[in-house]
Amino acid sequence: MEDGPITTDLVAPSAWEAPPPVLLNAHKHHAGFLGERVRRAVAAGPAGLGPLAAELVVVGAKLMDLYHGPFSPREIGEKVLADLKRARRDTPDAFRAWVEAEGGYRVVEFPEDTSRWVLRYGEEGGRFVHVHPARYSPFSVRVRANVLTTAVMALAHAGVHGGDPLDRKVVNAVRRDYLGLAPVGRDPSGDEGIGAVIALLR
């Protein structure tokens, strides 16, 4: 599956998709994109919930770093590409040699917000510059996949049907009906960071 946002009439590619050859999984790594997807799903009504849940399959089941800074996926990609072009590392061979010389990855920093980004070589549909937030980077938080997908679907469900996305009934409904996850037994506002992620996405 592609490693960026699914381009449909619900998601404009102008801001929310990194330009080729950058590969950025916004579903896993960009809070602004996820917040926009929630808003678009809510605007589509009940029919928008199933497709959103299907998209979240790309999040997987591991820990990840979620960026919540000022730059859109497109801006992130453009910044990375501008630096690579200046250094003449914007071809597959040059980029691959550069990252492999440092053990398979490089870390770059954006001076505007001091966020740090890991660059790896990848090959998917012509996108060979794989980008994701660095661990413990400014404007990034570590989050578990099931926490992230639960927060996204609880926000969307509450937006469509009403209620509080932090209500345990809402949280457990989306985990059961859309995500195939076990119910939470505690107050979701403090459970595994669900409340903190919902606050980031709102």
N, C-alpha and C. Protein backbone atom coordinates (compact mmCIF):
# COMPACT_ATOMS: atom_id res chain seq x y z
N MET A 1 0.85 -1.20 0.00
CA MET A 1 0.00 0.00 0.00
C MET A 1 0.88 1.24 0.00
N GLU A 2 0.44 2.29 -0.63
CA GLU A 2 1.25 3.49 -0.74
C GLU A 2 1.51 4.07 0.64
N ASP A 3 2.62 4.81 0.77
CA ASP A 3 3.07 5.28 2.07
C ASP A 3 2.75 6.74 2.28
N GLY A 4 1.71 7.21 1.66
CA GLY A 4 1.26 8.57 1.85
C GLY A 4 -0.24 8.58 1.88
N PRO A 5 -0.85 9.77 1.97
CA PRO A 5 -2.30 9.82 2.03
C PRO A 5 -2.96 9.31 0.77
N ILE A 6 -4.09 8.67 0.93
CA ILE A 6 -4.86 8.20 -0.22
C ILE A 6 -5.51 9.41 -0.87
N THR A 7 -5.24 9.61 -2.15
CA THR A 7 -5.75 10.79 -2.83
C THR A 7 -7.15 10.51 -3.35
N THR A 8 -8.15 11.11 -2.70
CA THR A 8 -9.53 10.99 -3.11
C THR A 8 -10.11 12.39 -3.14
N ASP A 9 -11.41 12.48 -3.41
CA ASP A 9 -12.03 13.79 -3.38
C ASP A 9 -12.11 14.33 -1.95
N LEU A 10 -11.79 13.50 -0.96
CA LEU A 10 -11.82 13.96 0.43
C LEU A 10 -10.51 14.59 0.86
N VAL A 11 -9.42 14.31 0.16
CA VAL A 11 -8.12 14.80 0.59
C VAL A 11 -7.42 15.47 -0.59
N ALA A 12 -7.25 16.78 -0.51
CA ALA A 12 -6.56 17.49 -1.57
C ALA A 12 -5.07 17.20 -1.48
N PRO A 13 -4.44 16.82 -2.59
CA PRO A 13 -3.02 16.46 -2.53
C PRO A 13 -2.10 17.65 -2.35
N SER A 14 -2.59 18.87 -2.51
CA SER A 14 -1.72 20.03 -2.52
C SER A 14 -0.92 20.18 -1.23
N ALA A 15 -1.56 20.05 -0.09
CA ALA A 15 -0.87 20.22 1.17
C ALA A 15 -0.56 18.91 1.86
N TRP A 16 -1.37 17.89 1.62
CA TRP A 16 -1.33 16.70 2.46
C TRP A 16 -0.55 15.54 1.88
N GLU A 17 0.07 15.73 0.73
CA GLU A 17 0.89 14.68 0.15
C GLU A 17 2.28 15.22 -0.15
N ALA A 18 3.30 14.51 0.32
CA ALA A 18 4.67 14.91 0.02
C ALA A 18 4.96 14.72 -1.46
N PRO A 19 5.74 15.62 -2.05
CA PRO A 19 6.04 15.49 -3.48
C PRO A 19 7.02 14.36 -3.74
N PRO A 20 6.88 13.67 -4.88
CA PRO A 20 7.86 12.65 -5.26
C PRO A 20 9.25 13.32 -5.39
N PRO A 21 10.32 12.63 -5.06
CA PRO A 21 10.39 11.22 -4.67
C PRO A 21 10.35 10.96 -3.16
N VAL A 22 9.74 11.88 -2.40
CA VAL A 22 9.67 11.71 -0.95
C VAL A 22 8.54 10.75 -0.60
N LEU A 23 8.81 9.85 0.34
CA LEU A 23 7.85 8.88 0.84
C LEU A 23 7.61 9.21 2.31
N LEU A 24 6.44 9.77 2.63
CA LEU A 24 6.10 10.13 4.00
C LEU A 24 4.72 9.58 4.32
N ASN A 25 4.63 8.68 5.28
CA ASN A 25 3.35 8.10 5.66
C ASN A 25 2.65 9.05 6.62
N ALA A 26 1.81 9.92 6.08
CA ALA A 26 1.14 10.91 6.90
C ALA A 26 0.15 10.29 7.87
N HIS A 27 -0.40 9.12 7.53
CA HIS A 27 -1.31 8.43 8.46
C HIS A 27 -0.60 8.05 9.75
N LYS A 28 0.68 7.78 9.68
CA LYS A 28 1.45 7.37 10.86
C LYS A 28 2.16 8.53 11.54
N HIS A 29 2.51 9.56 10.77
CA HIS A 29 3.48 10.52 11.27
C HIS A 29 3.05 11.98 11.27
N HIS A 30 1.82 12.31 10.88
CA HIS A 30 1.46 13.73 10.77
C HIS A 30 0.10 14.01 11.40
N ALA A 31 0.12 14.69 12.55
CA ALA A 31 -1.11 14.97 13.28
C ALA A 31 -2.04 15.89 12.50
N GLY A 32 -1.49 16.87 11.80
CA GLY A 32 -2.33 17.78 11.03
C GLY A 32 -3.10 17.07 9.95
N PHE A 33 -2.45 16.15 9.26
CA PHE A 33 -3.12 15.36 8.24
C PHE A 33 -4.25 14.53 8.84
N LEU A 34 -3.98 13.87 9.97
CA LEU A 34 -5.00 13.04 10.60
C LEU A 34 -6.19 13.89 11.07
N GLY A 35 -5.90 15.05 11.60
CA GLY A 35 -7.00 15.94 11.99
C GLY A 35 -7.86 16.34 10.81
N GLU A 36 -7.21 16.59 9.67
CA GLU A 36 -7.96 16.93 8.46
C GLU A 36 -8.78 15.74 7.97
N ARG A 37 -8.22 14.53 8.06
CA ARG A 37 -8.98 13.35 7.65
C ARG A 37 -10.21 13.14 8.54
N VAL A 38 -10.05 13.42 9.83
CA VAL A 38 -11.21 13.33 10.72
C VAL A 38 -12.28 14.31 10.29
N ARG A 39 -11.89 15.55 10.02
CA ARG A 39 -12.87 16.57 9.61
C ARG A 39 -13.57 16.18 8.32
N ARG A 40 -12.82 15.64 7.37
CA ARG A 40 -13.43 15.23 6.10
C ARG A 40 -14.36 14.04 6.29
N ALA A 41 -13.98 13.11 7.15
CA ALA A 41 -14.84 11.96 7.42
C ALA A 41 -16.14 12.40 8.07
N VAL A 42 -16.04 13.32 9.01
CA VAL A 42 -17.24 13.84 9.68
C VAL A 42 -18.15 14.54 8.66
N ALA A 43 -17.56 15.30 7.75
CA ALA A 43 -18.35 15.99 6.74
C ALA A 43 -19.08 15.01 5.83
N ALA A 44 -18.51 13.81 5.65
CA ALA A 44 -19.15 12.79 4.80
C ALA A 44 -20.25 12.04 5.52
N GLY A 45 -20.38 12.24 6.83
CA GLY A 45 -21.42 11.56 7.59
C GLY A 45 -21.04 10.13 7.92
N PRO A 46 -22.02 9.30 8.32
CA PRO A 46 -21.73 7.92 8.70
C PRO A 46 -20.96 7.14 7.65
N ALA A 47 -21.19 7.45 6.37
CA ALA A 47 -20.49 6.74 5.29
C ALA A 47 -19.00 7.03 5.27
N GLY A 48 -18.56 8.07 5.98
CA GLY A 48 -17.14 8.41 5.98
C GLY A 48 -16.32 7.62 6.97
N LEU A 49 -16.96 6.91 7.91
CA LEU A 49 -16.22 6.24 8.98
C LEU A 49 -15.51 4.98 8.49
N GLY A 50 -16.20 4.16 7.71
CA GLY A 50 -15.60 2.93 7.21
C GLY A 50 -14.35 3.17 6.37
N PRO A 51 -14.41 4.07 5.39
CA PRO A 51 -13.21 4.34 4.59
C PRO A 51 -12.05 4.88 5.42
N LEU A 52 -12.35 5.71 6.42
CA LEU A 52 -11.28 6.21 7.28
C LEU A 52 -10.62 5.06 8.04
N ALA A 53 -11.42 4.17 8.60
CA ALA A 53 -10.87 3.02 9.31
C ALA A 53 -10.02 2.16 8.38
N ALA A 54 -10.46 1.99 7.13
CA ALA A 54 -9.70 1.19 6.17
C ALA A 54 -8.34 1.81 5.88
N GLU A 55 -8.31 3.13 5.79
CA GLU A 55 -7.04 3.82 5.55
C GLU A 55 -6.05 3.59 6.70
N LEU A 56 -6.57 3.49 7.91
CA LEU A 56 -5.71 3.39 9.09
C LEU A 56 -4.97 2.06 9.17
N VAL A 57 -5.28 1.12 8.30
CA VAL A 57 -4.53 -0.14 8.26
C VAL A 57 -3.04 0.13 8.06
N VAL A 58 -2.70 1.19 7.32
CA VAL A 58 -1.29 1.48 7.04
C VAL A 58 -0.52 1.88 8.30
N VAL A 59 -1.23 2.20 9.39
CA VAL A 59 -0.55 2.59 10.63
C VAL A 59 0.18 1.40 11.23
N GLY A 60 -0.32 0.19 11.01
CA GLY A 60 0.35 -0.99 11.53
C GLY A 60 0.07 -1.21 13.00
N ALA A 61 1.06 -1.79 13.72
CA ALA A 61 0.83 -2.17 15.11
C ALA A 61 2.00 -1.83 16.03
N LYS A 62 2.84 -0.90 15.63
CA LYS A 62 4.05 -0.61 16.40
C LYS A 62 4.02 0.80 16.99
N LEU A 63 5.08 1.12 17.72
CA LEU A 63 5.31 2.49 18.17
C LEU A 63 5.73 3.34 16.99
N MET A 64 5.35 4.62 17.03
CA MET A 64 5.76 5.53 15.97
C MET A 64 5.89 6.93 16.55
N ASP A 65 6.46 7.82 15.73
CA ASP A 65 6.61 9.22 16.12
C ASP A 65 5.65 10.06 15.30
N LEU A 66 4.84 10.85 16.00
CA LEU A 66 3.79 11.66 15.36
C LEU A 66 4.19 13.13 15.44
N TYR A 67 4.34 13.76 14.28
CA TYR A 67 4.72 15.17 14.19
C TYR A 67 3.49 16.05 14.33
N HIS A 68 3.59 17.08 15.18
CA HIS A 68 2.47 18.01 15.35
C HIS A 68 2.94 19.46 15.22
N GLY A 69 3.96 19.66 14.41
CA GLY A 69 4.49 21.01 14.19
C GLY A 69 3.79 21.74 13.06
N PRO A 70 4.38 22.86 12.62
CA PRO A 70 3.69 23.76 11.69
C PRO A 70 3.70 23.35 10.23
N PHE A 71 4.56 22.41 9.83
CA PHE A 71 4.72 22.13 8.41
C PHE A 71 3.83 21.00 7.92
N SER A 72 3.24 21.19 6.75
CA SER A 72 2.41 20.16 6.13
C SER A 72 3.31 19.08 5.52
N PRO A 73 2.76 17.92 5.19
CA PRO A 73 3.56 16.91 4.51
C PRO A 73 4.25 17.43 3.25
N ARG A 74 3.53 18.23 2.48
CA ARG A 74 4.15 18.76 1.27
C ARG A 74 5.33 19.67 1.61
N GLU A 75 5.16 20.53 2.61
CA GLU A 75 6.26 21.42 2.99
C GLU A 75 7.46 20.63 3.52
N ILE A 76 7.19 19.58 4.29
CA ILE A 76 8.28 18.73 4.78
C ILE A 76 9.06 18.14 3.61
N GLY A 77 8.33 17.57 2.65
CA GLY A 77 8.98 16.99 1.49
C GLY A 77 9.76 18.01 0.69
N GLU A 78 9.20 19.19 0.52
CA GLU A 78 9.89 20.23 -0.26
C GLU A 78 11.18 20.67 0.43
N LYS A 79 11.16 20.77 1.76
CA LYS A 79 12.36 21.15 2.50
C LYS A 79 13.45 20.10 2.35
N VAL A 80 13.08 18.84 2.50
CA VAL A 80 14.05 17.76 2.36
C VAL A 80 14.63 17.76 0.95
N LEU A 81 13.77 17.87 -0.06
CA LEU A 81 14.26 17.83 -1.44
C LEU A 81 15.15 19.02 -1.77
N ALA A 82 14.82 20.19 -1.24
CA ALA A 82 15.65 21.37 -1.50
C ALA A 82 17.07 21.16 -0.97
N ASP A 83 17.18 20.59 0.23
CA ASP A 83 18.50 20.32 0.79
C ASP A 83 19.25 19.29 -0.03
N LEU A 84 18.55 18.24 -0.45
CA LEU A 84 19.20 17.20 -1.25
C LEU A 84 19.68 17.74 -2.60
N LYS A 85 18.87 18.59 -3.21
CA LYS A 85 19.24 19.15 -4.51
C LYS A 85 20.47 20.03 -4.38
N ARG A 86 20.51 20.85 -3.32
CA ARG A 86 21.66 21.73 -3.12
C ARG A 86 22.95 20.91 -2.97
N ALA A 87 22.85 19.76 -2.33
CA ALA A 87 24.01 18.91 -2.11
C ALA A 87 24.21 17.88 -3.22
N ARG A 88 23.37 17.93 -4.26
CA ARG A 88 23.43 17.00 -5.39
C ARG A 88 23.27 15.55 -4.93
N ARG A 89 22.34 15.37 -4.03
CA ARG A 89 22.02 14.02 -3.53
C ARG A 89 20.58 13.65 -3.87
N ASP A 90 20.00 14.24 -4.89
CA ASP A 90 18.59 14.05 -5.20
C ASP A 90 18.34 12.98 -6.26
N THR A 91 19.36 12.21 -6.63
CA THR A 91 19.15 11.06 -7.51
C THR A 91 19.19 9.79 -6.66
N PRO A 92 18.55 8.72 -7.11
CA PRO A 92 18.53 7.49 -6.30
C PRO A 92 19.92 7.00 -5.91
N ASP A 93 20.85 6.98 -6.86
CA ASP A 93 22.19 6.46 -6.55
C ASP A 93 22.93 7.34 -5.56
N ALA A 94 22.86 8.66 -5.76
CA ALA A 94 23.57 9.58 -4.87
C ALA A 94 22.96 9.56 -3.47
N PHE A 95 21.65 9.51 -3.41
CA PHE A 95 21.00 9.50 -2.10
C PHE A 95 21.29 8.20 -1.37
N ARG A 96 21.21 7.10 -2.07
CA ARG A 96 21.47 5.81 -1.43
C ARG A 96 22.90 5.72 -0.90
N ALA A 97 23.87 6.17 -1.69
CA ALA A 97 25.25 6.14 -1.23
C ALA A 97 25.45 7.01 0.00
N TRP A 98 24.78 8.16 0.02
CA TRP A 98 24.91 9.09 1.16
C TRP A 98 24.38 8.48 2.44
N VAL A 99 23.19 7.87 2.40
CA VAL A 99 22.62 7.31 3.63
C VAL A 99 23.35 6.03 4.05
N GLU A 100 23.78 5.22 3.07
CA GLU A 100 24.47 3.98 3.42
C GLU A 100 25.84 4.25 4.02
N ALA A 101 26.45 5.39 3.69
CA ALA A 101 27.74 5.75 4.27
C ALA A 101 27.63 6.06 5.76
N GLU A 102 26.42 6.27 6.24
CA GLU A 102 26.20 6.59 7.66
C GLU A 102 25.38 5.50 8.35
N GLY A 103 25.46 4.27 7.83
CA GLY A 103 24.78 3.16 8.48
C GLY A 103 23.35 2.94 8.04
N GLY A 104 22.93 3.57 6.95
CA GLY A 104 21.59 3.33 6.42
C GLY A 104 20.58 4.43 6.67
N TYR A 105 20.98 5.48 7.38
CA TYR A 105 20.06 6.59 7.58
C TYR A 105 20.83 7.87 7.88
N ARG A 106 20.19 8.98 7.66
CA ARG A 106 20.71 10.30 8.00
C ARG A 106 19.63 11.05 8.78
N VAL A 107 20.04 11.97 9.63
CA VAL A 107 19.11 12.81 10.37
C VAL A 107 19.35 14.27 9.97
N VAL A 108 18.28 14.94 9.56
CA VAL A 108 18.37 16.36 9.21
C VAL A 108 17.47 17.15 10.14
N GLU A 109 17.79 18.42 10.31
CA GLU A 109 17.01 19.30 11.19
C GLU A 109 16.48 20.48 10.40
N PHE A 110 15.23 20.84 10.66
CA PHE A 110 14.66 22.04 10.08
C PHE A 110 14.93 23.20 11.04
N PRO A 111 15.67 24.20 10.64
CA PRO A 111 15.98 25.28 11.58
C PRO A 111 14.75 26.07 12.02
N GLU A 112 13.71 26.09 11.20
CA GLU A 112 12.54 26.91 11.53
C GLU A 112 11.82 26.44 12.79
N ASP A 113 11.72 25.11 12.98
CA ASP A 113 11.03 24.62 14.18
C ASP A 113 11.89 23.63 14.98
N THR A 114 13.14 23.45 14.56
CA THR A 114 14.12 22.55 15.19
C THR A 114 13.68 21.08 15.17
N SER A 115 12.68 20.75 14.37
CA SER A 115 12.29 19.34 14.26
C SER A 115 13.38 18.58 13.51
N ARG A 116 13.52 17.31 13.86
CA ARG A 116 14.53 16.45 13.23
C ARG A 116 13.85 15.31 12.48
N TRP A 117 14.44 14.94 11.35
CA TRP A 117 13.82 13.98 10.45
C TRP A 117 14.83 12.93 10.02
N VAL A 118 14.40 11.68 10.05
CA VAL A 118 15.23 10.57 9.62
C VAL A 118 14.98 10.31 8.13
N LEU A 119 16.06 10.22 7.38
CA LEU A 119 15.98 9.92 5.95
C LEU A 119 16.57 8.55 5.70
N ARG A 120 15.84 7.70 5.02
CA ARG A 120 16.31 6.37 4.63
C ARG A 120 16.05 6.16 3.14
N TYR A 121 16.77 5.22 2.58
CA TYR A 121 16.52 4.88 1.18
C TYR A 121 15.38 3.87 1.11
N GLY A 122 14.44 4.10 0.22
CA GLY A 122 13.34 3.18 -0.01
C GLY A 122 12.97 3.22 -1.47
N GLU A 123 12.18 2.27 -1.91
CA GLU A 123 11.76 2.25 -3.31
C GLU A 123 10.32 1.81 -3.37
N GLU A 124 9.46 2.76 -3.60
CA GLU A 124 8.04 2.45 -3.71
C GLU A 124 7.41 3.42 -4.70
N GLY A 125 7.12 2.92 -5.86
CA GLY A 125 6.49 3.77 -6.87
C GLY A 125 7.32 4.97 -7.25
N GLY A 126 8.65 4.81 -7.28
CA GLY A 126 9.52 5.91 -7.65
C GLY A 126 9.88 6.83 -6.50
N ARG A 127 9.34 6.57 -5.32
CA ARG A 127 9.66 7.40 -4.14
C ARG A 127 10.77 6.70 -3.36
N PHE A 128 11.95 7.29 -3.39
CA PHE A 128 13.10 6.63 -2.77
C PHE A 128 13.62 7.35 -1.53
N VAL A 129 13.11 8.52 -1.21
CA VAL A 129 13.53 9.26 -0.02
C VAL A 129 12.48 9.05 1.07
N HIS A 130 12.72 8.05 1.92
CA HIS A 130 11.79 7.72 3.00
C HIS A 130 12.05 8.63 4.18
N VAL A 131 11.02 9.37 4.60
CA VAL A 131 11.16 10.39 5.65
C VAL A 131 10.20 10.09 6.80
N HIS A 132 10.71 10.17 8.03
CA HIS A 132 9.82 10.12 9.19
C HIS A 132 10.44 10.91 10.33
N PRO A 133 9.63 11.37 11.30
CA PRO A 133 10.19 12.16 12.40
C PRO A 133 11.20 11.35 13.19
N ALA A 134 12.24 12.03 13.66
CA ALA A 134 13.22 11.38 14.53
C ALA A 134 12.61 11.18 15.92
N ARG A 135 13.09 10.15 16.59
CA ARG A 135 12.62 9.87 17.94
C ARG A 135 12.97 11.04 18.87
N TYR A 136 12.01 11.46 19.65
CA TYR A 136 12.17 12.54 20.62
C TYR A 136 12.51 13.88 19.97
N SER A 137 12.15 14.03 18.71
CA SER A 137 12.33 15.31 18.03
C SER A 137 11.35 16.34 18.58
N PRO A 138 11.72 17.62 18.61
CA PRO A 138 10.74 18.66 18.93
C PRO A 138 9.52 18.54 18.01
N PHE A 139 8.35 18.83 18.57
CA PHE A 139 7.08 18.75 17.85
C PHE A 139 6.72 17.32 17.45
N SER A 140 7.27 16.33 18.13
CA SER A 140 6.89 14.94 17.88
C SER A 140 6.65 14.24 19.20
N VAL A 141 5.72 13.28 19.17
CA VAL A 141 5.45 12.45 20.34
C VAL A 141 5.49 10.99 19.93
N ARG A 142 5.93 10.13 20.85
CA ARG A 142 5.89 8.69 20.63
C ARG A 142 4.49 8.19 20.96
N VAL A 143 3.93 7.38 20.09
CA VAL A 143 2.56 6.90 20.29
C VAL A 143 2.44 5.47 19.77
N ARG A 144 1.65 4.68 20.47
CA ARG A 144 1.38 3.33 20.00
C ARG A 144 0.31 3.35 18.92
N ALA A 145 0.42 2.40 18.00
CA ALA A 145 -0.48 2.39 16.85
C ALA A 145 -1.94 2.29 17.28
N ASN A 146 -2.25 1.41 18.23
CA ASN A 146 -3.66 1.24 18.61
C ASN A 146 -4.19 2.47 19.33
N VAL A 147 -3.31 3.22 20.00
CA VAL A 147 -3.73 4.48 20.63
C VAL A 147 -4.06 5.51 19.55
N LEU A 148 -3.20 5.59 18.54
CA LEU A 148 -3.41 6.57 17.47
C LEU A 148 -4.69 6.28 16.70
N THR A 149 -4.89 5.03 16.29
CA THR A 149 -6.08 4.71 15.50
C THR A 149 -7.35 4.86 16.33
N THR A 150 -7.27 4.53 17.62
CA THR A 150 -8.43 4.72 18.49
C THR A 150 -8.80 6.18 18.60
N ALA A 151 -7.80 7.04 18.78
CA ALA A 151 -8.06 8.48 18.91
C ALA A 151 -8.69 9.03 17.63
N VAL A 152 -8.16 8.63 16.48
CA VAL A 152 -8.70 9.11 15.20
C VAL A 152 -10.16 8.70 15.04
N MET A 153 -10.44 7.42 15.26
CA MET A 153 -11.80 6.94 15.04
C MET A 153 -12.77 7.46 16.10
N ALA A 154 -12.32 7.64 17.35
CA ALA A 154 -13.22 8.19 18.37
C ALA A 154 -13.60 9.62 18.03
N LEU A 155 -12.64 10.41 17.55
CA LEU A 155 -12.95 11.79 17.14
C LEU A 155 -13.94 11.80 15.98
N ALA A 156 -13.72 10.95 15.00
CA ALA A 156 -14.60 10.92 13.84
C ALA A 156 -16.00 10.43 14.23
N HIS A 157 -16.06 9.39 15.03
CA HIS A 157 -17.35 8.84 15.47
C HIS A 157 -18.14 9.89 16.25
N ALA A 158 -17.48 10.57 17.18
CA ALA A 158 -18.17 11.59 17.96
C ALA A 158 -18.61 12.75 17.08
N GLY A 159 -17.80 13.08 16.07
CA GLY A 159 -18.18 14.15 15.16
C GLY A 159 -19.41 13.82 14.33
N VAL A 160 -19.56 12.54 13.98
CA VAL A 160 -20.70 12.11 13.17
C VAL A 160 -21.94 11.88 14.02
N HIS A 161 -21.76 11.18 15.15
CA HIS A 161 -22.91 10.72 15.93
C HIS A 161 -23.15 11.54 17.20
N GLY A 162 -22.26 12.47 17.51
CA GLY A 162 -22.39 13.23 18.75
C GLY A 162 -21.71 12.51 19.90
N GLY A 163 -21.59 13.20 21.00
CA GLY A 163 -20.96 12.62 22.17
C GLY A 163 -19.53 13.08 22.32
N ASP A 164 -18.90 12.58 23.36
CA ASP A 164 -17.54 12.95 23.71
C ASP A 164 -16.59 11.86 23.24
N PRO A 165 -15.55 12.20 22.45
CA PRO A 165 -14.63 11.16 21.99
C PRO A 165 -13.87 10.48 23.13
N LEU A 166 -13.87 11.10 24.31
CA LEU A 166 -13.20 10.49 25.46
C LEU A 166 -14.14 9.63 26.30
N ASP A 167 -15.42 9.57 25.92
CA ASP A 167 -16.36 8.69 26.61
C ASP A 167 -15.95 7.25 26.35
N ARG A 168 -15.85 6.45 27.40
CA ARG A 168 -15.40 5.07 27.24
C ARG A 168 -16.31 4.28 26.30
N LYS A 169 -17.60 4.59 26.29
CA LYS A 169 -18.51 3.89 25.39
C LYS A 169 -18.17 4.19 23.92
N VAL A 170 -17.83 5.43 23.63
CA VAL A 170 -17.45 5.80 22.27
C VAL A 170 -16.14 5.11 21.89
N VAL A 171 -15.16 5.19 22.78
CA VAL A 171 -13.85 4.59 22.53
C VAL A 171 -13.99 3.09 22.27
N ASN A 172 -14.73 2.42 23.13
CA ASN A 172 -14.85 0.97 22.97
C ASN A 172 -15.70 0.59 21.76
N ALA A 173 -16.65 1.44 21.39
CA ALA A 173 -17.45 1.16 20.19
C ALA A 173 -16.58 1.18 18.93
N VAL A 174 -15.71 2.19 18.81
CA VAL A 174 -14.89 2.24 17.60
C VAL A 174 -13.82 1.15 17.61
N ARG A 175 -13.32 0.81 18.79
CA ARG A 175 -12.34 -0.28 18.86
C ARG A 175 -12.97 -1.60 18.44
N ARG A 176 -14.23 -1.82 18.83
CA ARG A 176 -14.93 -3.05 18.48
C ARG A 176 -15.39 -3.04 17.02
N ASP A 177 -16.04 -1.96 16.61
CA ASP A 177 -16.73 -1.95 15.31
C ASP A 177 -15.82 -1.67 14.12
N TYR A 178 -14.73 -0.92 14.36
CA TYR A 178 -13.89 -0.51 13.23
C TYR A 178 -12.45 -1.00 13.29
N LEU A 179 -11.94 -1.27 14.49
CA LEU A 179 -10.50 -1.52 14.61
C LEU A 179 -10.15 -2.94 15.06
N GLY A 180 -11.14 -3.71 15.51
CA GLY A 180 -10.87 -5.06 15.96
C GLY A 180 -9.97 -5.12 17.18
N LEU A 181 -10.10 -4.15 18.09
CA LEU A 181 -9.27 -4.07 19.29
C LEU A 181 -10.10 -4.39 20.53
N ALA A 182 -9.42 -4.85 21.56
CA ALA A 182 -10.08 -5.13 22.83
C ALA A 182 -10.54 -3.82 23.47
N PRO A 183 -11.59 -3.87 24.29
CA PRO A 183 -12.06 -2.65 24.96
C PRO A 183 -11.06 -2.16 26.00
N VAL A 184 -11.11 -0.86 26.28
CA VAL A 184 -10.31 -0.31 27.37
C VAL A 184 -11.15 -0.40 28.64
N GLY A 185 -10.48 -0.63 29.74
CA GLY A 185 -11.20 -0.81 31.00
C GLY A 185 -11.18 0.39 31.91
N ARG A 186 -10.34 1.38 31.54
CA ARG A 186 -10.21 2.57 32.38
C ARG A 186 -10.71 3.79 31.64
N ASP A 187 -10.71 4.90 32.33
CA ASP A 187 -11.08 6.18 31.75
C ASP A 187 -10.13 6.48 30.58
N PRO A 188 -10.64 6.59 29.35
CA PRO A 188 -9.76 6.81 28.20
C PRO A 188 -8.97 8.12 28.26
N SER A 189 -9.42 9.08 29.05
CA SER A 189 -8.68 10.34 29.12
C SER A 189 -7.28 10.13 29.66
N GLY A 190 -7.09 9.05 30.40
CA GLY A 190 -5.76 8.76 30.91
C GLY A 190 -5.24 7.42 30.46
N ASP A 191 -5.97 6.73 29.60
CA ASP A 191 -5.61 5.37 29.21
C ASP A 191 -4.63 5.37 28.05
N GLU A 192 -3.41 5.01 28.32
CA GLU A 192 -2.41 4.79 27.27
C GLU A 192 -2.21 5.99 26.35
N GLY A 193 -2.54 7.20 26.84
CA GLY A 193 -2.30 8.38 26.03
C GLY A 193 -3.38 8.71 25.02
N ILE A 194 -4.53 8.01 25.05
CA ILE A 194 -5.59 8.29 24.08
C ILE A 194 -6.04 9.74 24.20
N GLY A 195 -6.22 10.21 25.42
CA GLY A 195 -6.66 11.59 25.62
C GLY A 195 -5.66 12.60 25.08
N ALA A 196 -4.37 12.33 25.29
CA ALA A 196 -3.34 13.26 24.80
C ALA A 196 -3.32 13.30 23.28
N VAL A 197 -3.51 12.15 22.64
CA VAL A 197 -3.50 12.13 21.17
C VAL A 197 -4.75 12.82 20.62
N ILE A 198 -5.89 12.61 21.25
CA ILE A 198 -7.11 13.31 20.82
C ILE A 198 -6.89 14.82 20.90
N ALA A 199 -6.25 15.29 21.97
CA ALA A 199 -6.00 16.73 22.10
C ALA A 199 -5.11 17.25 20.96
N LEU A 200 -4.14 16.44 20.52
CA LEU A 200 -3.29 16.86 19.42
C LEU A 200 -4.03 16.93 18.10
N LEU A 201 -4.99 16.05 17.91
CA LEU A 201 -5.67 15.95 16.62
C LEU A 201 -6.83 16.92 16.48
N ARG A 202 -7.29 17.45 17.57
CA ARG A 202 -8.46 18.35 17.50
C ARG A 202 -8.12 19.66 16.83
